[in-house]
Amino acid sequence: MRKLTYLIACSIDGFIADPAGDATSMFAFLDEEFLGHLAKEHADTLPTQARRALGVDDVPNTRFDTIVQGRASYETALKEGVTSPYAHLRQYVASRTLVPSPDPDVEIVADDLLGRVRALKAEDGGLGIYLCGGSRIAGELLDEIDELVIKTYPQVYGTGMPMFGGTGFAVTDFALESVRAFGNGVLIRTYNRKR
């Protein structure tokens, strides 16, 4: 069984973006130390253009071979004219309205996202599935998430898009695996699901 990992950036108070879906304030923390770590440890999760800029475009995938994201996450690339933002991964976008796909390398999942993710997890293979966001699909897929990697930026938003949208109240336990602190105040916490 392949692992589904929700790797997400958020504020101290758990918001992945402001109420309008903007998280660009977090970019101020992309300093040399933090970018070096991302390029070394999380290169699979970087968009192809960022991989090129960091000189890791030719680095083989080590953790993930597949990405699942929501339409809003995907549209940040589309607005820049990029139709295949993660060309080094198999790309799935959850959307009921974005049909047909703007790129032959991007599969639109219009119905039964849960079933599609379960089928992806059941595939043979050593690499996992990267859940990029957004909030609503993370909430929809909460029961399938095996690992959380949370990049916490030293900012308080007060309100905005929560890490898990539309889930209602439900306690789901995870075990802390590791914490990495950076000089810029960013923390990366990794949790494994308790099953």
C-alpha atoms as a PDB file:
ATOM      1  CA  MET A   1       0.000   0.000   0.000  1.00  0.00           C
ATOM      2  CA  ARG A   2       1.406   3.365  -1.023  1.00  0.00           C
ATOM      3  CA  LYS A   3       1.406   6.248   1.454  1.00  0.00           C
ATOM      4  CA  LEU A   4      -0.596   9.462   1.049  1.00  0.00           C
ATOM      5  CA  THR A   5       1.328  12.412   2.509  1.00  0.00           C
ATOM      6  CA  TYR A   6      -0.250  15.803   3.061  1.00  0.00           C
ATOM      7  CA  LEU A   7       2.688  18.212   2.869  1.00  0.00           C
ATOM      8  CA  ILE A   8       1.456  21.722   3.480  1.00  0.00           C
ATOM      9  CA  ALA A   9       2.586  25.196   4.496  1.00  0.00           C
ATOM     10  CA  CYS A  10       0.607  26.947   7.214  1.00  0.00           C
ATOM     11  CA  SER A  11       0.629  29.780   9.706  1.00  0.00           C
ATOM     12  CA  ILE A  12       1.184  29.222  13.425  1.00  0.00           C
ATOM     13  CA  ASP A  13      -2.588  29.187  13.877  1.00  0.00           C
ATOM     14  CA  GLY A  14      -3.097  26.493  11.219  1.00  0.00           C
ATOM     15  CA  PHE A  15      -4.220  28.438   8.152  1.00  0.00           C
ATOM     16  CA  ILE A  16      -2.818  27.517   4.733  1.00  0.00           C
ATOM     17  CA  ALA A  17      -3.893  30.825   3.185  1.00  0.00           C
ATOM     18  CA  ASP A  18      -5.781  34.000   3.962  1.00  0.00           C
ATOM     19  CA  PRO A  19      -9.570  34.123   3.397  1.00  0.00           C
ATOM     20  CA  ALA A  20      -9.006  34.889  -0.312  1.00  0.00           C
ATOM     21  CA  GLY A  21      -6.644  31.915  -0.751  1.00  0.00           C
ATOM     22  CA  ASP A  22      -3.408  33.943  -0.788  1.00  0.00           C
ATOM     23  CA  ALA A  23      -0.359  32.594   1.084  1.00  0.00           C
ATOM     24  CA  THR A  24       2.344  34.708  -0.558  1.00  0.00           C
ATOM     25  CA  SER A  25       3.270  36.315   2.778  1.00  0.00           C
ATOM     26  CA  MET A  26       5.034  33.024   3.593  1.00  0.00           C
ATOM     27  CA  PHE A  27       7.456  33.549   0.690  1.00  0.00           C
ATOM     28  CA  ALA A  28       9.426  36.004   2.850  1.00  0.00           C
ATOM     29  CA  PHE A  29      10.832  32.995   4.750  1.00  0.00           C
ATOM     30  CA  LEU A  30      12.350  31.289   1.694  1.00  0.00           C
ATOM     31  CA  ASP A  31      15.940  32.009   2.691  1.00  0.00           C
ATOM     32  CA  GLU A  32      19.085  30.106   1.680  1.00  0.00           C
ATOM     33  CA  GLU A  33      19.004  27.621   4.583  1.00  0.00           C
ATOM     34  CA  PHE A  34      15.332  26.761   4.141  1.00  0.00           C
ATOM     35  CA  LEU A  35      15.469  26.565   0.328  1.00  0.00           C
ATOM     36  CA  GLY A  36      18.546  24.342   0.588  1.00  0.00           C
ATOM     37  CA  HIS A  37      16.635  21.974   2.851  1.00  0.00           C
ATOM     38  CA  LEU A  38      13.633  21.897   0.527  1.00  0.00           C
ATOM     39  CA  ALA A  39      15.870  21.210  -2.478  1.00  0.00           C
ATOM     40  CA  LYS A  40      17.642  18.382  -0.664  1.00  0.00           C
ATOM     41  CA  GLU A  41      14.830  16.743   1.320  1.00  0.00           C
ATOM     42  CA  HIS A  42      11.630  17.676  -0.511  1.00  0.00           C
ATOM     43  CA  ALA A  43      12.651  18.160  -4.153  1.00  0.00           C
ATOM     44  CA  ASP A  44       9.808  15.880  -5.289  1.00  0.00           C
ATOM     45  CA  THR A  45       7.278  18.381  -3.920  1.00  0.00           C
ATOM     46  CA  LEU A  46       8.682  21.421  -5.681  1.00  0.00           C
ATOM     47  CA  PRO A  47       7.048  22.610  -8.899  1.00  0.00           C
ATOM     48  CA  THR A  48       9.152  21.875 -11.967  1.00  0.00           C
ATOM     49  CA  GLN A  49      10.048  25.552 -12.455  1.00  0.00           C
ATOM     50  CA  ALA A  50      11.300  25.797  -8.842  1.00  0.00           C
ATOM     51  CA  ARG A  51      13.319  22.598  -9.288  1.00  0.00           C
ATOM     52  CA  ARG A  52      15.011  24.172 -12.323  1.00  0.00           C
ATOM     53  CA  ALA A  53      15.733  27.401 -10.438  1.00  0.00           C
ATOM     54  CA  LEU A  54      17.272  25.451  -7.541  1.00  0.00           C
ATOM     55  CA  GLY A  55      19.333  23.223  -9.841  1.00  0.00           C
ATOM     56  CA  VAL A  56      17.577  19.981  -8.877  1.00  0.00           C
ATOM     57  CA  ASP A  57      15.476  19.400 -11.995  1.00  0.00           C
ATOM     58  CA  ASP A  58      17.463  16.285 -12.918  1.00  0.00           C
ATOM     59  CA  VAL A  59      17.351  14.768  -9.399  1.00  0.00           C
ATOM     60  CA  PRO A  60      15.325  11.533  -9.422  1.00  0.00           C
ATOM     61  CA  ASN A  61      12.196  11.370  -7.280  1.00  0.00           C
ATOM     62  CA  THR A  62      12.894   9.747  -3.925  1.00  0.00           C
ATOM     63  CA  ARG A  63       9.593  10.019  -2.021  1.00  0.00           C
ATOM     64  CA  PHE A  64       6.752  10.672  -4.473  1.00  0.00           C
ATOM     65  CA  ASP A  65       5.771   9.815  -8.029  1.00  0.00           C
ATOM     66  CA  THR A  66       2.216  11.196  -7.908  1.00  0.00           C
ATOM     67  CA  ILE A  67       0.569  14.473  -6.884  1.00  0.00           C
ATOM     68  CA  VAL A  68      -3.074  15.154  -6.033  1.00  0.00           C
ATOM     69  CA  GLN A  69      -4.206  18.751  -5.722  1.00  0.00           C
ATOM     70  CA  GLY A  70      -7.327  20.844  -5.836  1.00  0.00           C
ATOM     71  CA  ARG A  71      -8.340  23.213  -8.580  1.00  0.00           C
ATOM     72  CA  ALA A  72      -7.364  26.357  -6.635  1.00  0.00           C
ATOM     73  CA  SER A  73      -3.825  25.019  -6.108  1.00  0.00           C
ATOM     74  CA  TYR A  74      -3.582  24.064  -9.764  1.00  0.00           C
ATOM     75  CA  GLU A  75      -4.909  27.435 -10.914  1.00  0.00           C
ATOM     76  CA  THR A  76      -1.948  29.269  -9.360  1.00  0.00           C
ATOM     77  CA  ALA A  77       0.163  27.641 -12.089  1.00  0.00           C
ATOM     78  CA  LEU A  78      -2.478  28.107 -14.803  1.00  0.00           C
ATOM     79  CA  LYS A  79      -2.513  31.856 -14.111  1.00  0.00           C
ATOM     80  CA  GLU A  80       1.199  31.853 -14.979  1.00  0.00           C
ATOM     81  CA  GLY A  81       0.562  29.900 -18.202  1.00  0.00           C
ATOM     82  CA  VAL A  82       1.901  26.633 -16.753  1.00  0.00           C
ATOM     83  CA  THR A  83      -0.394  23.713 -17.520  1.00  0.00           C
ATOM     84  CA  SER A  84       1.884  20.965 -16.150  1.00  0.00           C
ATOM     85  CA  PRO A  85       3.378  22.400 -12.936  1.00  0.00           C
ATOM     86  CA  TYR A  86       4.722  19.072 -11.628  1.00  0.00           C
ATOM     87  CA  ALA A  87       6.012  17.500 -14.824  1.00  0.00           C
ATOM     88  CA  HIS A  88       8.217  15.098 -12.814  1.00  0.00           C
ATOM     89  CA  LEU A  89       5.119  13.534 -11.174  1.00  0.00           C
ATOM     90  CA  ARG A  90       1.856  11.960 -12.314  1.00  0.00           C
ATOM     91  CA  GLN A  91      -0.628  14.798 -11.821  1.00  0.00           C
ATOM     92  CA  TYR A  92      -4.237  14.592 -10.665  1.00  0.00           C
ATOM     93  CA  VAL A  93      -6.434  17.645 -10.099  1.00  0.00           C
ATOM     94  CA  ALA A  94      -9.732  17.383  -8.241  1.00  0.00           C
ATOM     95  CA  SER A  95     -12.252  19.573 -10.045  1.00  0.00           C
ATOM     96  CA  ARG A  96     -15.851  19.280 -11.117  1.00  0.00           C
ATOM     97  CA  THR A  97     -15.623  22.281 -13.438  1.00  0.00           C
ATOM     98  CA  LEU A  98     -12.204  22.130 -15.107  1.00  0.00           C
ATOM     99  CA  VAL A  99     -13.025  19.826 -17.994  1.00  0.00           C
ATOM    100  CA  PRO A 100     -11.366  18.961 -20.275  1.00  0.00           C
ATOM    101  CA  SER A 101      -7.867  19.021 -18.843  1.00  0.00           C
ATOM    102  CA  PRO A 102      -5.703  21.876 -20.130  1.00  0.00           C
ATOM    103  CA  ASP A 103      -2.758  19.465 -20.415  1.00  0.00           C
ATOM    104  CA  PRO A 104      -2.505  15.803 -21.492  1.00  0.00           C
ATOM    105  CA  ASP A 105      -0.209  15.119 -18.494  1.00  0.00           C
ATOM    106  CA  VAL A 106      -2.816  16.337 -15.983  1.00  0.00           C
ATOM    107  CA  GLU A 107      -5.791  14.103 -15.207  1.00  0.00           C
ATOM    108  CA  ILE A 108      -8.908  15.839 -13.920  1.00  0.00           C
ATOM    109  CA  VAL A 109     -10.802  13.868 -11.260  1.00  0.00           C
ATOM    110  CA  ALA A 110     -14.365  15.179 -11.464  1.00  0.00           C
ATOM    111  CA  ASP A 111     -16.085  12.486  -9.407  1.00  0.00           C
ATOM    112  CA  ASP A 112     -15.200  10.037  -6.628  1.00  0.00           C
ATOM    113  CA  LEU A 113     -11.893  11.572  -5.555  1.00  0.00           C
ATOM    114  CA  LEU A 114     -11.828   9.234  -2.568  1.00  0.00           C
ATOM    115  CA  GLY A 115     -12.132   6.176  -4.810  1.00  0.00           C
ATOM    116  CA  ARG A 116      -9.413   7.466  -7.145  1.00  0.00           C
ATOM    117  CA  VAL A 117      -7.013   8.091  -4.254  1.00  0.00           C
ATOM    118  CA  ARG A 118      -7.726   4.642  -2.805  1.00  0.00           C
ATOM    119  CA  ALA A 119      -6.930   3.118  -6.208  1.00  0.00           C
ATOM    120  CA  LEU A 120      -3.668   5.119  -6.398  1.00  0.00           C
ATOM    121  CA  LYS A 121      -2.703   3.969  -2.899  1.00  0.00           C
ATOM    122  CA  ALA A 122      -3.389   0.342  -3.861  1.00  0.00           C
ATOM    123  CA  GLU A 123      -0.961   0.462  -6.807  1.00  0.00           C
ATOM    124  CA  ASP A 124       2.353  -1.328  -6.604  1.00  0.00           C
ATOM    125  CA  GLY A 125       5.376   0.884  -6.250  1.00  0.00           C
ATOM    126  CA  GLY A 126       7.840   2.175  -3.732  1.00  0.00           C
ATOM    127  CA  LEU A 127       7.057   5.873  -4.000  1.00  0.00           C
ATOM    128  CA  GLY A 128       4.152   7.659  -2.384  1.00  0.00           C
ATOM    129  CA  ILE A 129       1.468  10.186  -3.229  1.00  0.00           C
ATOM    130  CA  TYR A 130       1.873  13.873  -2.445  1.00  0.00           C
ATOM    131  CA  LEU A 131      -1.314  15.673  -1.433  1.00  0.00           C
ATOM    132  CA  CYS A 132      -0.596  19.307  -2.231  1.00  0.00           C
ATOM    133  CA  GLY A 133      -3.908  20.837  -1.219  1.00  0.00           C
ATOM    134  CA  GLY A 134      -6.219  22.430  -0.881  1.00  0.00           C
ATOM    135  CA  SER A 135      -8.176  22.680   2.262  1.00  0.00           C
ATOM    136  CA  ARG A 136     -11.404  21.080   1.031  1.00  0.00           C
ATOM    137  CA  ILE A 137      -9.836  18.021  -0.570  1.00  0.00           C
ATOM    138  CA  ALA A 138      -7.584  17.505   2.461  1.00  0.00           C
ATOM    139  CA  GLY A 139     -10.744  17.407   4.560  1.00  0.00           C
ATOM    140  CA  GLU A 140     -12.373  15.005   2.117  1.00  0.00           C
ATOM    141  CA  LEU A 141      -9.319  12.720   2.154  1.00  0.00           C
ATOM    142  CA  LEU A 142      -8.496  12.952   5.884  1.00  0.00           C
ATOM    143  CA  ASP A 143      -9.199   9.254   6.513  1.00  0.00           C
ATOM    144  CA  GLU A 144      -6.741   8.296   3.754  1.00  0.00           C
ATOM    145  CA  ILE A 145      -3.845  10.530   4.907  1.00  0.00           C
ATOM    146  CA  ASP A 146      -1.006   8.448   6.317  1.00  0.00           C
ATOM    147  CA  GLU A 147       1.516  11.196   6.988  1.00  0.00           C
ATOM    148  CA  LEU A 148       1.464  14.940   7.648  1.00  0.00           C
ATOM    149  CA  VAL A 149       4.449  17.144   6.869  1.00  0.00           C
ATOM    150  CA  ILE A 150       3.612  20.620   8.118  1.00  0.00           C
ATOM    151  CA  LYS A 151       5.807  23.591   7.260  1.00  0.00           C
ATOM    152  CA  THR A 152       4.789  26.098   9.938  1.00  0.00           C
ATOM    153  CA  TYR A 153       5.700  29.689   9.188  1.00  0.00           C
ATOM    154  CA  PRO A 154       6.080  32.176  12.078  1.00  0.00           C
ATOM    155  CA  GLN A 155       2.980  34.171  11.199  1.00  0.00           C
ATOM    156  CA  VAL A 156      -0.508  34.401  12.671  1.00  0.00           C
ATOM    157  CA  TYR A 157      -3.310  34.842  10.148  1.00  0.00           C
ATOM    158  CA  GLY A 158      -6.237  35.044  12.555  1.00  0.00           C
ATOM    159  CA  THR A 159      -8.591  33.656   9.932  1.00  0.00           C
ATOM    160  CA  GLY A 160      -8.351  32.043   6.535  1.00  0.00           C
ATOM    161  CA  MET A 161      -8.337  28.626   4.902  1.00  0.00           C
ATOM    162  CA  PRO A 162      -7.836  25.863   7.506  1.00  0.00           C
ATOM    163  CA  MET A 163      -5.577  22.885   6.840  1.00  0.00           C
ATOM    164  CA  PHE A 164      -8.654  20.646   6.709  1.00  0.00           C
ATOM    165  CA  GLY A 165     -11.789  22.293   5.384  1.00  0.00           C
ATOM    166  CA  GLY A 166     -15.333  21.003   5.636  1.00  0.00           C
ATOM    167  CA  THR A 167     -14.595  18.145   8.015  1.00  0.00           C
ATOM    168  CA  GLY A 168     -16.659  19.192  11.000  1.00  0.00           C
ATOM    169  CA  PHE A 169     -15.450  18.035  14.396  1.00  0.00           C
ATOM    170  CA  ALA A 170     -13.596  14.730  14.396  1.00  0.00           C
ATOM    171  CA  VAL A 171     -10.555  13.735  16.430  1.00  0.00           C
ATOM    172  CA  THR A 172      -7.883  12.037  14.333  1.00  0.00           C
ATOM    173  CA  ASP A 173      -4.650  11.058  16.082  1.00  0.00           C
ATOM    174  CA  PHE A 174      -1.172  11.316  14.602  1.00  0.00           C
ATOM    175  CA  ALA A 175       2.190  10.538  16.235  1.00  0.00           C
ATOM    176  CA  LEU A 176       5.024  13.045  16.036  1.00  0.00           C
ATOM    177  CA  GLU A 177       7.984  11.608  14.129  1.00  0.00           C
ATOM    178  CA  SER A 178      10.294  14.609  13.851  1.00  0.00           C
ATOM    179  CA  VAL A 179      10.670  18.369  14.173  1.00  0.00           C
ATOM    180  CA  ARG A 180      13.183  20.489  12.271  1.00  0.00           C
ATOM    181  CA  ALA A 181      13.681  24.144  13.186  1.00  0.00           C
ATOM    182  CA  PHE A 182      15.265  26.737  10.913  1.00  0.00           C
ATOM    183  CA  GLY A 183      16.977  30.015  11.698  1.00  0.00           C
ATOM    184  CA  ASN A 184      14.167  31.956  10.023  1.00  0.00           C
ATOM    185  CA  GLY A 185      11.628  30.607  12.544  1.00  0.00           C
ATOM    186  CA  VAL A 186      10.056  28.004  10.247  1.00  0.00           C
ATOM    187  CA  LEU A 187       9.368  24.560  11.681  1.00  0.00           C
ATOM    188  CA  ILE A 188       8.833  21.358   9.712  1.00  0.00           C
ATOM    189  CA  ARG A 189       6.905  18.798  11.735  1.00  0.00           C
ATOM    190  CA  THR A 190       6.329  15.271  10.485  1.00  0.00           C
ATOM    191  CA  TYR A 191       3.544  13.117  11.892  1.00  0.00           C
ATOM    192  CA  ASN A 192       2.488   9.537  11.134  1.00  0.00           C
ATOM    193  CA  ARG A 193      -1.114   8.496  11.430  1.00  0.00           C
ATOM    194  CA  LYS A 194      -2.013   6.299  14.377  1.00  0.00           C
ATOM    195  CA  ARG A 195      -4.078   3.410  13.052  1.00  0.00           C
END
